[in-house]
Amino acid sequence: MLENTKKLAGAYSGFLQVKKEAWEKMLKAKERDAERKLKEQNG
């Protein structure tokens, strides 16, 4: 039982790390897009 719990916790931790990295990438991409649009507006 304990081994299964450890495996599950490890898998969940890995899943959260991947999810966090995906969010960070998405936010950086949105930030870049916003900066590009600002530059285009300002000429």
C-alpha atoms as a PDB file:
ATOM      1  CA  MET A   1       0.000   0.000   0.000  1.00  0.00           C
ATOM      2  CA  LEU A   2       2.736   2.451   0.984  1.00  0.00           C
ATOM      3  CA  GLU A   3       4.714   1.731  -2.190  1.00  0.00           C
ATOM      4  CA  ASN A   4       1.673   2.488  -4.331  1.00  0.00           C
ATOM      5  CA  THR A   5       1.136   5.752  -2.474  1.00  0.00           C
ATOM      6  CA  LYS A   6       4.783   6.731  -3.006  1.00  0.00           C
ATOM      7  CA  LYS A   7       4.542   5.934  -6.717  1.00  0.00           C
ATOM      8  CA  LEU A   8       1.317   7.897  -7.022  1.00  0.00           C
ATOM      9  CA  ALA A   9       2.789  10.880  -5.175  1.00  0.00           C
ATOM     10  CA  GLY A  10       5.856  10.801  -7.425  1.00  0.00           C
ATOM     11  CA  ALA A  11       3.758  10.629 -10.568  1.00  0.00           C
ATOM     12  CA  TYR A  12       1.519  13.457  -9.368  1.00  0.00           C
ATOM     13  CA  SER A  13       4.529  15.586  -8.495  1.00  0.00           C
ATOM     14  CA  GLY A  14       5.920  15.034 -11.987  1.00  0.00           C
ATOM     15  CA  PHE A  15       2.557  15.893 -13.507  1.00  0.00           C
ATOM     16  CA  LEU A  16       2.392  19.144 -11.533  1.00  0.00           C
ATOM     17  CA  GLN A  17       5.903  20.083 -12.666  1.00  0.00           C
ATOM     18  CA  VAL A  18       4.961  19.542 -16.320  1.00  0.00           C
ATOM     19  CA  LYS A  19       1.764  21.537 -15.837  1.00  0.00           C
ATOM     20  CA  LYS A  20       3.722  24.387 -14.211  1.00  0.00           C
ATOM     21  CA  GLU A  21       6.216  24.474 -17.089  1.00  0.00           C
ATOM     22  CA  ALA A  22       3.383  24.530 -19.625  1.00  0.00           C
ATOM     23  CA  TRP A  23       1.761  27.488 -17.837  1.00  0.00           C
ATOM     24  CA  GLU A  24       5.070  29.363 -17.733  1.00  0.00           C
ATOM     25  CA  LYS A  25       5.604  28.824 -21.469  1.00  0.00           C
ATOM     26  CA  MET A  26       2.080  29.987 -22.243  1.00  0.00           C
ATOM     27  CA  LEU A  27       2.464  33.124 -20.125  1.00  0.00           C
ATOM     28  CA  LYS A  28       5.815  33.965 -21.730  1.00  0.00           C
ATOM     29  CA  ALA A  29       4.281  33.553 -25.184  1.00  0.00           C
ATOM     30  CA  LYS A  30       1.383  35.856 -24.270  1.00  0.00           C
ATOM     31  CA  GLU A  31       3.849  38.400 -22.913  1.00  0.00           C
ATOM     32  CA  ARG A  32       5.878  38.300 -26.146  1.00  0.00           C
ATOM     33  CA  ASP A  33       2.725  38.728 -28.230  1.00  0.00           C
ATOM     34  CA  ALA A  34       1.636  41.718 -26.146  1.00  0.00           C
ATOM     35  CA  GLU A  35       5.072  43.342 -26.501  1.00  0.00           C
ATOM     36  CA  ARG A  36       5.049  42.769 -30.258  1.00  0.00           C
ATOM     37  CA  LYS A  37       1.591  44.314 -30.612  1.00  0.00           C
ATOM     38  CA  LEU A  38       2.691  47.326 -28.569  1.00  0.00           C
ATOM     39  CA  LYS A  39       5.722  47.829 -30.796  1.00  0.00           C
ATOM     40  CA  GLU A  40       3.537  47.573 -33.909  1.00  0.00           C
ATOM     41  CA  GLN A  41       1.100  50.151 -32.519  1.00  0.00           C
ATOM     42  CA  ASN A  42       3.906  52.539 -31.606  1.00  0.00           C
ATOM     43  CA  GLY A  43       5.571  52.085 -34.968  1.00  0.00           C
END
